[in-house]
Amino acid sequence: MVNIPRLDLNLYINGNSAQRKQFSDDIGKAFNETGFVTITNHGMDKQLIDKLYEDVKALFALPDDVKDKYEVPGLAGQRGYTGKQKETAKGFTAPDLKEFWQIGQTVTDNDPVKDEYPDNLVVAELPSFNDTTLEVYKKLEWAGQHLLRAISIYLGLPENYFDEKVHNGNSILRTRLPILMRCPKMRYVPAHTKT
């Protein structure tokens, strides 16, 4: 059994120099030994996480015809809704029943990369869903920036080495149908690896 380390991001952000160094060493060791780490104090409190689950559940409970109007075929799942039977898990022939909602970077400065990113879609039926997912996206981005700073230290690089490289980065928050329902001829994604 692999032991996945649990690290407290607050020790890096608000800790003294010894705690920050220890966090950097610990995250570097974890990525070298297991490739994984669990992060606490990542900026999302229980209230926000509960709200995200509530809003995601409400989104996927909408009628299919409502969700379908948020699917943009030309974007290949980069923004908005991806409906059932659109993806097939590796090793299977039948499409699965999973549904997704994707949001991405919102460029708020004059960075020319803004023209390369599609706009996020707004769910008119669920205004709080839009606010919640955007807040979660931003908090995950914030945590990621601090984790990259800690990794920079571990690698012997300047602490802000990755800041410019990830500014307005092209990442996506993909939320997935939270209710598991199975059908004999269609499947959800089994345990797998990214290739």
N, C-alpha and C. Protein backbone atom coordinates (compact mmCIF):
# COMPACT_ATOMS: atom_id res chain seq x y z
N MET A 1 0.84 -1.19 0.00
CA MET A 1 0.00 0.00 0.00
C MET A 1 0.88 1.25 0.00
N VAL A 2 0.51 2.22 -0.82
CA VAL A 2 1.26 3.46 -0.92
C VAL A 2 0.75 4.46 0.12
N ASN A 3 1.67 5.09 0.81
CA ASN A 3 1.31 6.12 1.78
C ASN A 3 1.40 7.48 1.09
N ILE A 4 0.25 8.11 0.89
CA ILE A 4 0.21 9.43 0.25
C ILE A 4 0.31 10.49 1.35
N PRO A 5 1.36 11.30 1.32
CA PRO A 5 1.56 12.30 2.36
C PRO A 5 0.45 13.35 2.37
N ARG A 6 0.16 13.85 3.56
CA ARG A 6 -0.82 14.92 3.76
C ARG A 6 -0.06 16.15 4.23
N LEU A 7 -0.09 17.21 3.42
CA LEU A 7 0.66 18.42 3.73
C LEU A 7 -0.28 19.61 3.93
N ASP A 8 0.11 20.49 4.84
CA ASP A 8 -0.68 21.67 5.18
C ASP A 8 -0.11 22.88 4.43
N LEU A 9 -0.84 23.35 3.40
CA LEU A 9 -0.37 24.47 2.59
C LEU A 9 -0.18 25.74 3.42
N ASN A 10 -0.92 25.86 4.50
CA ASN A 10 -0.78 27.03 5.37
C ASN A 10 0.64 27.15 5.93
N LEU A 11 1.30 26.01 6.14
CA LEU A 11 2.68 26.05 6.64
C LEU A 11 3.62 26.68 5.63
N TYR A 12 3.31 26.54 4.36
CA TYR A 12 4.14 27.18 3.34
C TYR A 12 3.78 28.66 3.20
N ILE A 13 2.49 28.96 3.18
CA ILE A 13 2.05 30.34 2.94
C ILE A 13 2.35 31.24 4.14
N ASN A 14 2.06 30.77 5.35
CA ASN A 14 2.18 31.61 6.54
C ASN A 14 3.24 31.14 7.53
N GLY A 15 3.95 30.09 7.19
CA GLY A 15 4.94 29.54 8.12
C GLY A 15 6.23 30.34 8.16
N ASN A 16 7.06 29.99 9.13
CA ASN A 16 8.39 30.61 9.20
C ASN A 16 9.29 29.95 8.16
N SER A 17 10.51 30.41 8.04
CA SER A 17 11.39 29.91 6.97
C SER A 17 11.64 28.41 7.10
N ALA A 18 11.76 27.90 8.32
CA ALA A 18 12.00 26.46 8.51
C ALA A 18 10.77 25.65 8.08
N GLN A 19 9.57 26.14 8.41
CA GLN A 19 8.34 25.43 8.01
C GLN A 19 8.16 25.45 6.49
N ARG A 20 8.46 26.59 5.88
CA ARG A 20 8.34 26.70 4.42
C ARG A 20 9.33 25.75 3.74
N LYS A 21 10.54 25.70 4.23
CA LYS A 21 11.55 24.79 3.67
C LYS A 21 11.12 23.34 3.84
N GLN A 22 10.60 23.01 5.02
CA GLN A 22 10.15 21.64 5.28
C GLN A 22 9.00 21.27 4.34
N PHE A 23 8.06 22.19 4.13
CA PHE A 23 6.96 21.92 3.20
C PHE A 23 7.50 21.65 1.80
N SER A 24 8.43 22.49 1.34
CA SER A 24 9.02 22.30 0.01
C SER A 24 9.72 20.95 -0.09
N ASP A 25 10.47 20.60 0.94
CA ASP A 25 11.16 19.29 0.94
C ASP A 25 10.15 18.15 0.93
N ASP A 26 9.09 18.30 1.71
CA ASP A 26 8.09 17.24 1.80
C ASP A 26 7.33 17.05 0.49
N ILE A 27 6.97 18.15 -0.18
CA ILE A 27 6.24 18.00 -1.44
C ILE A 27 7.16 17.42 -2.52
N GLY A 28 8.42 17.83 -2.51
CA GLY A 28 9.37 17.26 -3.47
C GLY A 28 9.56 15.78 -3.24
N LYS A 29 9.71 15.39 -1.99
CA LYS A 29 9.86 13.96 -1.65
C LYS A 29 8.62 13.18 -2.07
N ALA A 30 7.45 13.73 -1.80
CA ALA A 30 6.20 13.03 -2.16
C ALA A 30 6.11 12.80 -3.67
N PHE A 31 6.43 13.83 -4.44
CA PHE A 31 6.33 13.69 -5.90
C PHE A 31 7.39 12.74 -6.43
N ASN A 32 8.53 12.66 -5.78
CA ASN A 32 9.56 11.71 -6.20
C ASN A 32 9.22 10.27 -5.81
N GLU A 33 8.61 10.10 -4.64
CA GLU A 33 8.38 8.74 -4.13
C GLU A 33 7.04 8.15 -4.57
N THR A 34 5.97 8.94 -4.53
CA THR A 34 4.65 8.39 -4.87
C THR A 34 4.00 9.09 -6.05
N GLY A 35 4.38 10.32 -6.29
CA GLY A 35 3.75 11.10 -7.35
C GLY A 35 2.48 11.79 -6.92
N PHE A 36 2.10 11.63 -5.65
CA PHE A 36 0.85 12.20 -5.15
C PHE A 36 1.06 12.84 -3.79
N VAL A 37 0.17 13.76 -3.48
CA VAL A 37 0.16 14.41 -2.17
C VAL A 37 -1.27 14.86 -1.90
N THR A 38 -1.65 14.87 -0.65
CA THR A 38 -2.94 15.43 -0.22
C THR A 38 -2.64 16.78 0.43
N ILE A 39 -3.40 17.79 0.04
CA ILE A 39 -3.16 19.14 0.55
C ILE A 39 -4.33 19.59 1.42
N THR A 40 -4.02 20.07 2.62
CA THR A 40 -5.03 20.68 3.50
C THR A 40 -4.80 22.19 3.49
N ASN A 41 -5.78 22.91 4.00
CA ASN A 41 -5.74 24.38 4.05
C ASN A 41 -5.40 24.95 2.67
N HIS A 42 -6.16 24.50 1.69
CA HIS A 42 -5.96 24.86 0.29
C HIS A 42 -6.78 26.06 -0.13
N GLY A 43 -7.49 26.66 0.81
CA GLY A 43 -8.24 27.87 0.50
C GLY A 43 -9.73 27.65 0.32
N MET A 44 -10.16 26.41 0.27
CA MET A 44 -11.60 26.12 0.13
C MET A 44 -12.11 25.54 1.44
N ASP A 45 -12.98 26.29 2.11
CA ASP A 45 -13.52 25.80 3.36
C ASP A 45 -14.68 24.84 3.11
N LYS A 46 -15.12 24.18 4.16
CA LYS A 46 -16.19 23.18 4.04
C LYS A 46 -17.46 23.79 3.46
N GLN A 47 -17.76 25.02 3.84
CA GLN A 47 -18.96 25.68 3.34
C GLN A 47 -18.92 25.82 1.81
N LEU A 48 -17.77 26.21 1.26
CA LEU A 48 -17.64 26.35 -0.19
C LEU A 48 -17.71 24.98 -0.87
N ILE A 49 -17.07 23.99 -0.30
CA ILE A 49 -17.11 22.64 -0.88
C ILE A 49 -18.53 22.11 -0.88
N ASP A 50 -19.24 22.29 0.23
CA ASP A 50 -20.65 21.85 0.29
C ASP A 50 -21.51 22.58 -0.73
N LYS A 51 -21.27 23.89 -0.89
CA LYS A 51 -22.02 24.68 -1.87
C LYS A 51 -21.72 24.19 -3.29
N LEU A 52 -20.47 23.86 -3.57
CA LEU A 52 -20.11 23.33 -4.88
C LEU A 52 -20.89 22.04 -5.16
N TYR A 53 -20.89 21.11 -4.21
CA TYR A 53 -21.63 19.86 -4.40
C TYR A 53 -23.12 20.13 -4.61
N GLU A 54 -23.67 21.04 -3.84
CA GLU A 54 -25.09 21.39 -3.96
C GLU A 54 -25.40 21.96 -5.35
N ASP A 55 -24.56 22.89 -5.80
CA ASP A 55 -24.80 23.52 -7.10
C ASP A 55 -24.56 22.56 -8.26
N VAL A 56 -23.56 21.72 -8.16
CA VAL A 56 -23.29 20.74 -9.22
C VAL A 56 -24.44 19.74 -9.31
N LYS A 57 -24.91 19.31 -8.17
CA LYS A 57 -26.06 18.38 -8.16
C LYS A 57 -27.28 19.04 -8.81
N ALA A 58 -27.51 20.31 -8.52
CA ALA A 58 -28.65 21.03 -9.12
C ALA A 58 -28.48 21.16 -10.63
N LEU A 59 -27.26 21.41 -11.09
CA LEU A 59 -27.02 21.52 -12.52
C LEU A 59 -27.38 20.22 -13.23
N PHE A 60 -26.86 19.11 -12.73
CA PHE A 60 -27.09 17.84 -13.41
C PHE A 60 -28.51 17.32 -13.24
N ALA A 61 -29.26 17.91 -12.31
CA ALA A 61 -30.67 17.55 -12.15
C ALA A 61 -31.57 18.29 -13.14
N LEU A 62 -31.02 19.29 -13.83
CA LEU A 62 -31.82 20.01 -14.83
C LEU A 62 -32.23 19.04 -15.93
N PRO A 63 -33.36 19.32 -16.59
CA PRO A 63 -33.78 18.46 -17.72
C PRO A 63 -32.72 18.45 -18.82
N ASP A 64 -32.63 17.33 -19.51
CA ASP A 64 -31.62 17.19 -20.58
C ASP A 64 -31.73 18.30 -21.62
N ASP A 65 -32.93 18.70 -21.97
CA ASP A 65 -33.06 19.73 -23.01
C ASP A 65 -32.50 21.08 -22.55
N VAL A 66 -32.53 21.33 -21.26
CA VAL A 66 -31.94 22.56 -20.72
C VAL A 66 -30.42 22.44 -20.74
N LYS A 67 -29.89 21.32 -20.26
CA LYS A 67 -28.44 21.14 -20.25
C LYS A 67 -27.87 21.14 -21.67
N ASP A 68 -28.60 20.54 -22.60
CA ASP A 68 -28.11 20.43 -23.98
C ASP A 68 -27.86 21.78 -24.63
N LYS A 69 -28.59 22.81 -24.21
CA LYS A 69 -28.38 24.12 -24.82
C LYS A 69 -27.05 24.74 -24.41
N TYR A 70 -26.37 24.13 -23.42
CA TYR A 70 -25.07 24.61 -22.98
C TYR A 70 -23.92 23.76 -23.53
N GLU A 71 -24.22 22.87 -24.46
CA GLU A 71 -23.19 22.07 -25.09
C GLU A 71 -22.77 22.73 -26.40
N VAL A 72 -21.49 23.00 -26.53
CA VAL A 72 -20.96 23.67 -27.72
C VAL A 72 -20.08 22.66 -28.48
N PRO A 73 -20.62 22.06 -29.53
CA PRO A 73 -19.90 20.98 -30.22
C PRO A 73 -18.49 21.35 -30.69
N GLY A 74 -18.28 22.53 -31.16
CA GLY A 74 -16.98 22.92 -31.69
C GLY A 74 -15.90 23.10 -30.64
N LEU A 75 -16.25 23.09 -29.36
CA LEU A 75 -15.26 23.33 -28.31
C LEU A 75 -14.67 22.05 -27.72
N ALA A 76 -15.16 20.90 -28.15
CA ALA A 76 -14.62 19.61 -27.69
C ALA A 76 -14.53 19.53 -26.17
N GLY A 77 -15.57 19.99 -25.49
CA GLY A 77 -15.60 19.88 -24.03
C GLY A 77 -14.72 20.88 -23.30
N GLN A 78 -14.31 21.96 -23.94
CA GLN A 78 -13.46 22.95 -23.27
C GLN A 78 -14.25 23.92 -22.39
N ARG A 79 -15.52 24.10 -22.68
CA ARG A 79 -16.38 24.96 -21.88
C ARG A 79 -17.79 24.40 -21.93
N GLY A 80 -18.55 24.64 -20.87
CA GLY A 80 -19.95 24.25 -20.85
C GLY A 80 -20.18 22.78 -20.58
N TYR A 81 -21.27 22.30 -21.12
CA TYR A 81 -21.79 20.96 -20.82
C TYR A 81 -21.30 19.92 -21.82
N THR A 82 -20.99 18.75 -21.32
CA THR A 82 -20.74 17.58 -22.15
C THR A 82 -21.73 16.52 -21.69
N GLY A 83 -22.60 16.11 -22.61
CA GLY A 83 -23.68 15.22 -22.25
C GLY A 83 -23.33 13.75 -22.20
N LYS A 84 -24.32 12.97 -21.81
CA LYS A 84 -24.18 11.51 -21.71
C LYS A 84 -23.86 10.90 -23.07
N GLN A 85 -23.18 9.78 -23.03
CA GLN A 85 -22.84 8.99 -24.21
C GLN A 85 -21.95 9.74 -25.20
N LYS A 86 -21.16 10.69 -24.71
CA LYS A 86 -20.25 11.43 -25.57
C LYS A 86 -18.83 10.89 -25.49
N GLU A 87 -18.53 10.17 -24.42
CA GLU A 87 -17.19 9.65 -24.24
C GLU A 87 -17.26 8.15 -23.96
N THR A 88 -16.23 7.46 -24.38
CA THR A 88 -16.13 6.02 -24.16
C THR A 88 -14.84 5.75 -23.42
N ALA A 89 -14.94 5.05 -22.32
CA ALA A 89 -13.76 4.75 -21.52
C ALA A 89 -12.82 3.83 -22.28
N LYS A 90 -11.54 4.02 -22.05
CA LYS A 90 -10.52 3.19 -22.69
C LYS A 90 -10.80 1.72 -22.39
N GLY A 91 -10.78 0.91 -23.43
CA GLY A 91 -11.01 -0.52 -23.26
C GLY A 91 -12.47 -0.93 -23.36
N PHE A 92 -13.37 0.02 -23.55
CA PHE A 92 -14.79 -0.27 -23.67
C PHE A 92 -15.29 0.18 -25.03
N THR A 93 -16.40 -0.42 -25.47
CA THR A 93 -16.96 -0.03 -26.76
C THR A 93 -18.24 0.79 -26.60
N ALA A 94 -18.93 0.61 -25.49
CA ALA A 94 -20.18 1.34 -25.26
C ALA A 94 -19.89 2.69 -24.60
N PRO A 95 -20.54 3.76 -25.07
CA PRO A 95 -20.36 5.05 -24.41
C PRO A 95 -20.86 5.00 -22.97
N ASP A 96 -20.28 5.84 -22.12
CA ASP A 96 -20.70 5.83 -20.73
C ASP A 96 -21.67 6.97 -20.43
N LEU A 97 -22.22 6.93 -19.23
CA LEU A 97 -23.29 7.86 -18.86
C LEU A 97 -22.83 9.12 -18.15
N LYS A 98 -21.55 9.32 -18.04
CA LYS A 98 -21.10 10.49 -17.30
C LYS A 98 -21.45 11.78 -18.04
N GLU A 99 -21.65 12.82 -17.25
CA GLU A 99 -21.90 14.16 -17.76
C GLU A 99 -20.87 15.08 -17.11
N PHE A 100 -20.51 16.15 -17.82
CA PHE A 100 -19.52 17.08 -17.29
C PHE A 100 -19.97 18.52 -17.49
N TRP A 101 -19.40 19.40 -16.68
CA TRP A 101 -19.47 20.83 -16.91
C TRP A 101 -18.05 21.36 -16.77
N GLN A 102 -17.62 22.16 -17.73
CA GLN A 102 -16.27 22.70 -17.73
C GLN A 102 -16.29 24.23 -17.71
N ILE A 103 -15.45 24.81 -16.85
CA ILE A 103 -15.16 26.24 -16.92
C ILE A 103 -13.65 26.38 -17.02
N GLY A 104 -13.22 27.50 -17.58
CA GLY A 104 -11.79 27.72 -17.74
C GLY A 104 -11.40 29.11 -17.29
N GLN A 105 -10.20 29.46 -17.66
CA GLN A 105 -9.60 30.72 -17.27
C GLN A 105 -10.46 31.92 -17.71
N THR A 106 -10.59 32.88 -16.82
CA THR A 106 -11.21 34.16 -17.14
C THR A 106 -10.10 35.19 -17.09
N VAL A 107 -9.70 35.68 -18.24
CA VAL A 107 -8.60 36.66 -18.31
C VAL A 107 -9.17 38.04 -18.01
N THR A 108 -8.65 38.67 -16.96
CA THR A 108 -9.19 39.97 -16.53
C THR A 108 -8.23 41.12 -16.79
N ASP A 109 -7.05 40.81 -17.32
CA ASP A 109 -6.12 41.89 -17.65
C ASP A 109 -6.02 42.01 -19.18
N ASN A 110 -5.05 42.72 -19.66
CA ASN A 110 -4.90 42.94 -21.10
C ASN A 110 -4.06 41.88 -21.80
N ASP A 111 -3.90 40.74 -21.18
CA ASP A 111 -3.10 39.65 -21.75
C ASP A 111 -3.72 39.22 -23.09
N PRO A 112 -2.94 39.20 -24.17
CA PRO A 112 -3.48 38.82 -25.48
C PRO A 112 -3.97 37.38 -25.54
N VAL A 113 -3.59 36.56 -24.56
CA VAL A 113 -4.06 35.17 -24.55
C VAL A 113 -5.58 35.09 -24.41
N LYS A 114 -6.19 36.18 -23.95
CA LYS A 114 -7.64 36.22 -23.79
C LYS A 114 -8.35 35.85 -25.09
N ASP A 115 -7.81 36.26 -26.22
CA ASP A 115 -8.43 35.97 -27.52
C ASP A 115 -8.36 34.49 -27.89
N GLU A 116 -7.50 33.74 -27.23
CA GLU A 116 -7.34 32.32 -27.53
C GLU A 116 -8.31 31.44 -26.74
N TYR A 117 -8.87 31.96 -25.67
CA TYR A 117 -9.73 31.16 -24.79
C TYR A 117 -11.20 31.42 -25.10
N PRO A 118 -11.99 30.36 -25.17
CA PRO A 118 -13.42 30.58 -25.30
C PRO A 118 -14.00 31.14 -24.00
N ASP A 119 -15.09 31.86 -24.11
CA ASP A 119 -15.75 32.37 -22.92
C ASP A 119 -16.39 31.23 -22.14
N ASN A 120 -16.47 31.42 -20.83
CA ASN A 120 -17.21 30.46 -20.02
C ASN A 120 -18.70 30.67 -20.26
N LEU A 121 -19.43 29.59 -20.27
CA LEU A 121 -20.88 29.67 -20.43
C LEU A 121 -21.52 29.94 -19.08
N VAL A 122 -22.61 30.66 -19.09
CA VAL A 122 -23.31 31.03 -17.86
C VAL A 122 -24.64 30.29 -17.85
N VAL A 123 -24.91 29.56 -16.77
CA VAL A 123 -26.15 28.82 -16.63
C VAL A 123 -27.21 29.78 -16.09
N ALA A 124 -28.12 30.20 -16.97
CA ALA A 124 -29.14 31.19 -16.60
C ALA A 124 -30.06 30.66 -15.51
N GLU A 125 -30.29 29.36 -15.53
CA GLU A 125 -31.24 28.75 -14.59
C GLU A 125 -30.68 28.64 -13.17
N LEU A 126 -29.36 28.73 -13.02
CA LEU A 126 -28.72 28.53 -11.70
C LEU A 126 -27.63 29.58 -11.47
N PRO A 127 -28.01 30.82 -11.17
CA PRO A 127 -26.99 31.87 -11.00
C PRO A 127 -25.92 31.53 -9.96
N SER A 128 -26.28 30.87 -8.87
CA SER A 128 -25.27 30.57 -7.85
C SER A 128 -24.25 29.56 -8.34
N PHE A 129 -24.64 28.69 -9.26
CA PHE A 129 -23.71 27.71 -9.84
C PHE A 129 -22.54 28.43 -10.50
N ASN A 130 -22.82 29.47 -11.26
CA ASN A 130 -21.78 30.23 -11.95
C ASN A 130 -20.81 30.87 -10.96
N ASP A 131 -21.36 31.49 -9.93
CA ASP A 131 -20.52 32.15 -8.92
C ASP A 131 -19.67 31.12 -8.16
N THR A 132 -20.29 30.01 -7.79
CA THR A 132 -19.58 29.00 -7.00
C THR A 132 -18.45 28.37 -7.79
N THR A 133 -18.72 27.95 -9.02
CA THR A 133 -17.66 27.29 -9.80
C THR A 133 -16.52 28.26 -10.12
N LEU A 134 -16.83 29.51 -10.37
CA LEU A 134 -15.77 30.49 -10.63
C LEU A 134 -14.93 30.70 -9.37
N GLU A 135 -15.58 30.77 -8.21
CA GLU A 135 -14.84 30.93 -6.95
C GLU A 135 -13.94 29.72 -6.71
N VAL A 136 -14.46 28.52 -6.93
CA VAL A 136 -13.65 27.31 -6.74
C VAL A 136 -12.47 27.31 -7.71
N TYR A 137 -12.72 27.66 -8.97
CA TYR A 137 -11.64 27.73 -9.96
C TYR A 137 -10.53 28.65 -9.47
N LYS A 138 -10.90 29.83 -9.03
CA LYS A 138 -9.90 30.81 -8.59
C LYS A 138 -9.14 30.33 -7.35
N LYS A 139 -9.84 29.69 -6.44
CA LYS A 139 -9.17 29.20 -5.23
C LYS A 139 -8.21 28.05 -5.56
N LEU A 140 -8.60 27.18 -6.48
CA LEU A 140 -7.70 26.10 -6.89
C LEU A 140 -6.48 26.67 -7.62
N GLU A 141 -6.71 27.70 -8.43
CA GLU A 141 -5.60 28.34 -9.12
C GLU A 141 -4.63 28.98 -8.12
N TRP A 142 -5.17 29.64 -7.12
CA TRP A 142 -4.37 30.26 -6.06
C TRP A 142 -3.53 29.21 -5.34
N ALA A 143 -4.18 28.09 -4.96
CA ALA A 143 -3.45 27.02 -4.27
C ALA A 143 -2.36 26.46 -5.18
N GLY A 144 -2.69 26.26 -6.45
CA GLY A 144 -1.72 25.74 -7.40
C GLY A 144 -0.50 26.64 -7.54
N GLN A 145 -0.72 27.94 -7.54
CA GLN A 145 0.41 28.88 -7.64
C GLN A 145 1.34 28.75 -6.44
N HIS A 146 0.76 28.58 -5.26
CA HIS A 146 1.59 28.42 -4.06
C HIS A 146 2.30 27.08 -4.05
N LEU A 147 1.64 26.04 -4.53
CA LEU A 147 2.30 24.73 -4.62
C LEU A 147 3.47 24.79 -5.59
N LEU A 148 3.30 25.49 -6.70
CA LEU A 148 4.40 25.64 -7.66
C LEU A 148 5.55 26.44 -7.06
N ARG A 149 5.25 27.39 -6.21
CA ARG A 149 6.31 28.14 -5.55
C ARG A 149 7.11 27.23 -4.62
N ALA A 150 6.39 26.38 -3.89
CA ALA A 150 7.08 25.43 -3.00
C ALA A 150 7.92 24.45 -3.82
N ILE A 151 7.41 24.02 -4.95
CA ILE A 151 8.17 23.11 -5.82
C ILE A 151 9.40 23.82 -6.38
N SER A 152 9.25 25.09 -6.72
CA SER A 152 10.40 25.87 -7.20
C SER A 152 11.53 25.86 -6.18
N ILE A 153 11.18 26.09 -4.93
CA ILE A 153 12.18 26.08 -3.86
C ILE A 153 12.86 24.72 -3.79
N TYR A 154 12.05 23.66 -3.84
CA TYR A 154 12.60 22.30 -3.78
C TYR A 154 13.59 22.06 -4.93
N LEU A 155 13.27 22.58 -6.11
CA LEU A 155 14.11 22.38 -7.29
C LEU A 155 15.32 23.31 -7.35
N GLY A 156 15.41 24.21 -6.35
CA GLY A 156 16.54 25.14 -6.33
C GLY A 156 16.36 26.31 -7.29
N LEU A 157 15.13 26.59 -7.65
CA LEU A 157 14.81 27.70 -8.56
C LEU A 157 14.35 28.91 -7.74
N PRO A 158 14.31 30.09 -8.33
CA PRO A 158 13.70 31.22 -7.63
C PRO A 158 12.24 30.89 -7.29
N GLU A 159 11.78 31.35 -6.14
CA GLU A 159 10.45 30.99 -5.67
C GLU A 159 9.35 31.32 -6.69
N ASN A 160 9.45 32.42 -7.37
CA ASN A 160 8.42 32.84 -8.32
C ASN A 160 8.68 32.37 -9.75
N TYR A 161 9.52 31.39 -9.90
CA TYR A 161 9.93 30.91 -11.22
C TYR A 161 8.73 30.59 -12.12
N PHE A 162 7.72 29.93 -11.58
CA PHE A 162 6.58 29.50 -12.39
C PHE A 162 5.47 30.55 -12.51
N ASP A 163 5.52 31.63 -11.73
CA ASP A 163 4.42 32.61 -11.71
C ASP A 163 4.07 33.11 -13.11
N GLU A 164 5.05 33.58 -13.83
CA GLU A 164 4.81 34.13 -15.16
C GLU A 164 4.33 33.03 -16.13
N LYS A 165 4.80 31.82 -15.92
CA LYS A 165 4.46 30.72 -16.82
C LYS A 165 3.01 30.24 -16.64
N VAL A 166 2.44 30.46 -15.46
CA VAL A 166 1.07 30.01 -15.22
C VAL A 166 0.06 31.16 -15.17
N HIS A 167 0.55 32.39 -15.27
CA HIS A 167 -0.36 33.54 -15.28
C HIS A 167 -1.35 33.38 -16.44
N ASN A 168 -2.63 33.45 -16.14
CA ASN A 168 -3.69 33.24 -17.13
C ASN A 168 -3.55 31.89 -17.84
N GLY A 169 -3.13 30.89 -17.08
CA GLY A 169 -2.91 29.56 -17.64
C GLY A 169 -4.18 28.93 -18.19
N ASN A 170 -3.99 28.04 -19.14
CA ASN A 170 -5.10 27.38 -19.82
C ASN A 170 -5.46 26.10 -19.08
N SER A 171 -6.13 26.24 -17.95
CA SER A 171 -6.58 25.08 -17.19
C SER A 171 -8.11 25.08 -17.14
N ILE A 172 -8.65 23.91 -16.85
CA ILE A 172 -10.10 23.73 -16.84
C ILE A 172 -10.53 23.08 -15.54
N LEU A 173 -11.61 23.57 -14.96
CA LEU A 173 -12.26 22.90 -13.85
C LEU A 173 -13.39 22.09 -14.45
N ARG A 174 -13.32 20.80 -14.28
CA ARG A 174 -14.32 19.89 -14.86
C ARG A 174 -15.10 19.26 -13.72
N THR A 175 -16.39 19.58 -13.63
CA THR A 175 -17.24 18.98 -12.62
C THR A 175 -18.00 17.84 -13.27
N ARG A 176 -18.28 16.83 -12.48
CA ARG A 176 -18.87 15.61 -13.02
C ARG A 176 -20.14 15.25 -12.28
N LEU A 177 -21.05 14.56 -12.99
CA LEU A 177 -22.29 14.09 -12.39
C LEU A 177 -22.00 13.36 -11.08
N PRO A 178 -22.56 13.81 -9.97
CA PRO A 178 -22.24 13.20 -8.68
C PRO A 178 -23.08 11.99 -8.32
N ILE A 179 -24.12 11.69 -9.07
CA ILE A 179 -25.00 10.57 -8.72
C ILE A 179 -24.66 9.39 -9.61
N LEU A 180 -24.29 8.27 -9.00
CA LEU A 180 -23.91 7.10 -9.78
C LEU A 180 -25.13 6.24 -10.07
N MET A 181 -25.45 6.14 -11.34
CA MET A 181 -26.53 5.28 -11.80
C MET A 181 -25.94 4.41 -12.90
N ARG A 182 -26.19 3.14 -12.86
CA ARG A 182 -25.58 2.23 -13.82
C ARG A 182 -26.62 1.65 -14.76
N CYS A 183 -26.17 1.34 -15.94
CA CYS A 183 -27.00 0.72 -16.96
C CYS A 183 -26.17 -0.43 -17.53
N PRO A 184 -26.74 -1.60 -17.78
CA PRO A 184 -25.95 -2.75 -18.21
C PRO A 184 -25.14 -2.52 -19.49
N LYS A 185 -25.65 -1.72 -20.42
CA LYS A 185 -24.94 -1.55 -21.69
C LYS A 185 -24.10 -0.29 -21.75
N MET A 186 -24.15 0.53 -20.71
CA MET A 186 -23.35 1.76 -20.69
C MET A 186 -22.62 1.83 -19.38
N ARG A 187 -21.45 2.43 -19.40
CA ARG A 187 -20.61 2.43 -18.21
C ARG A 187 -20.10 3.83 -17.89
N TYR A 188 -19.78 3.97 -16.61
CA TYR A 188 -18.99 5.12 -16.20
C TYR A 188 -17.54 4.75 -16.40
N VAL A 189 -16.65 5.70 -16.25
CA VAL A 189 -15.23 5.43 -16.43
C VAL A 189 -14.75 4.53 -15.31
N PRO A 190 -14.09 3.42 -15.66
CA PRO A 190 -13.50 2.57 -14.62
C PRO A 190 -12.19 3.18 -14.15
N ALA A 191 -11.58 2.55 -13.17
CA ALA A 191 -10.26 2.99 -12.73
C ALA A 191 -9.34 3.01 -13.94
N HIS A 192 -8.58 4.10 -14.10
CA HIS A 192 -7.76 4.24 -15.29
C HIS A 192 -6.61 5.21 -15.03
N THR A 193 -5.76 5.33 -16.02
CA THR A 193 -4.68 6.30 -15.96
C THR A 193 -4.83 7.24 -17.12
N LYS A 194 -4.30 8.43 -17.01
CA LYS A 194 -4.31 9.39 -18.12
C LYS A 194 -3.18 9.04 -19.07
N THR A 195 -3.48 9.00 -20.36
CA THR A 195 -2.43 8.73 -21.34
C THR A 195 -2.29 9.87 -22.31
